[in-house]
Amino acid sequence: MCKDNWEEFAPGLKTVEDAIEMRRRIFTAFEAAEKETDSEKRRAWLTFVIVGGGPTGVELAGAIAELANQTLKEDFRNIDTS
């Protein structure tokens, strides 16, 4: 599959602007999950897929895990960030 086919859903991470957009999407997903009452929809909001297993993908996976398990752990009442 060509990168252009999934770029809308899996943006690059090569610029500061890309990183800010990625951060926005991640925080938006946590906030949407907090408001969601349907458990399946909540699970969908909390499911992150990383395309690529290179250094950037590994770093991103670690950053999301750190956000969920440490940084945001106490910020939500309705979701279990672990």
Protein backbone atom coordinates (compact mmCIF):
# COMPACT_ATOMS: atom_id res chain seq x y z
CA MET A 1 0.00 0.00 0.00
CA CYS A 2 1.29 3.43 -0.92
CA LYS A 3 1.95 5.90 1.92
CA ASP A 4 -0.41 8.39 0.27
CA ASN A 5 -3.31 6.01 0.95
CA TRP A 6 -2.97 6.23 4.72
CA GLU A 7 -1.27 9.55 5.26
CA GLU A 8 -4.51 11.17 6.52
CA PHE A 9 -4.69 8.64 9.35
CA ALA A 10 -0.96 8.14 9.93
CA PRO A 11 0.72 11.51 9.46
CA GLY A 12 4.47 11.84 9.30
CA LEU A 13 6.61 12.97 12.17
CA LYS A 14 9.39 14.93 10.52
CA THR A 15 8.74 18.52 11.63
CA VAL A 16 7.84 20.36 14.80
CA GLU A 17 4.43 21.05 13.25
CA ASP A 18 3.96 17.30 12.67
CA ALA A 19 4.81 16.63 16.33
CA ILE A 20 2.34 19.28 17.52
CA GLU A 21 -0.39 17.76 15.35
CA MET A 22 0.42 14.27 16.64
CA ARG A 23 0.25 15.53 20.23
CA ARG A 24 -3.10 17.20 19.51
CA ARG A 25 -4.53 13.97 18.07
CA ILE A 26 -3.35 11.90 21.02
CA PHE A 27 -4.75 14.26 23.65
CA THR A 28 -8.01 14.59 21.69
CA ALA A 29 -8.35 10.80 21.70
CA PHE A 30 -7.93 10.61 25.49
CA GLU A 31 -10.45 13.42 25.99
CA ALA A 32 -12.97 11.79 23.62
CA ALA A 33 -12.56 8.46 25.44
CA GLU A 34 -13.23 10.20 28.75
CA LYS A 35 -16.57 11.51 27.45
CA GLU A 36 -17.60 8.28 25.68
CA THR A 37 -20.17 6.11 27.48
CA ASP A 38 -20.06 3.13 25.10
CA SER A 39 -17.21 0.83 26.16
CA GLU A 40 -16.42 -0.36 22.61
CA LYS A 41 -16.23 3.20 21.31
CA ARG A 42 -14.10 4.15 24.31
CA ARG A 43 -11.74 1.28 23.55
CA ALA A 44 -11.49 2.48 19.94
CA TRP A 45 -10.50 5.97 21.09
CA LEU A 46 -7.79 4.44 23.27
CA THR A 47 -6.35 2.23 20.53
CA PHE A 48 -3.30 3.69 18.85
CA VAL A 49 -1.65 2.15 15.79
CA ILE A 50 1.89 3.08 14.89
CA VAL A 51 2.95 2.45 11.31
CA GLY A 52 6.66 1.77 11.22
CA GLY A 53 8.96 0.13 13.70
CA GLY A 54 11.98 2.33 13.18
CA PRO A 55 13.43 4.65 15.81
CA THR A 56 10.64 7.22 15.43
CA GLY A 57 7.89 4.62 15.75
CA VAL A 58 9.51 3.08 18.81
CA GLU A 59 9.94 6.51 20.42
CA LEU A 60 6.31 7.38 19.68
CA ALA A 61 5.10 4.11 21.22
CA GLY A 62 7.12 4.85 24.34
CA ALA A 63 5.83 8.40 24.54
CA ILE A 64 2.19 7.27 24.29
CA ALA A 65 2.78 4.63 26.98
CA GLU A 66 4.40 7.22 29.24
CA LEU A 67 1.51 9.62 28.73
CA ALA A 68 -1.06 6.94 29.48
CA ASN A 69 0.66 5.24 32.40
CA GLN A 70 2.27 8.21 34.13
CA THR A 71 1.47 11.70 32.89
CA LEU A 72 -2.31 11.37 32.43
CA LYS A 73 -2.93 8.61 34.97
CA GLU A 74 -4.71 10.85 37.49
CA ASP A 75 -6.38 13.20 35.00
CA PHE A 76 -9.36 11.04 34.02
CA ARG A 77 -12.26 9.61 36.01
CA ASN A 78 -14.01 7.46 33.41
CA ILE A 79 -11.13 5.74 31.67
CA ASP A 80 -8.35 3.45 32.80
CA THR A 81 -5.30 4.78 30.98
CA SER A 82 -3.28 1.62 31.60
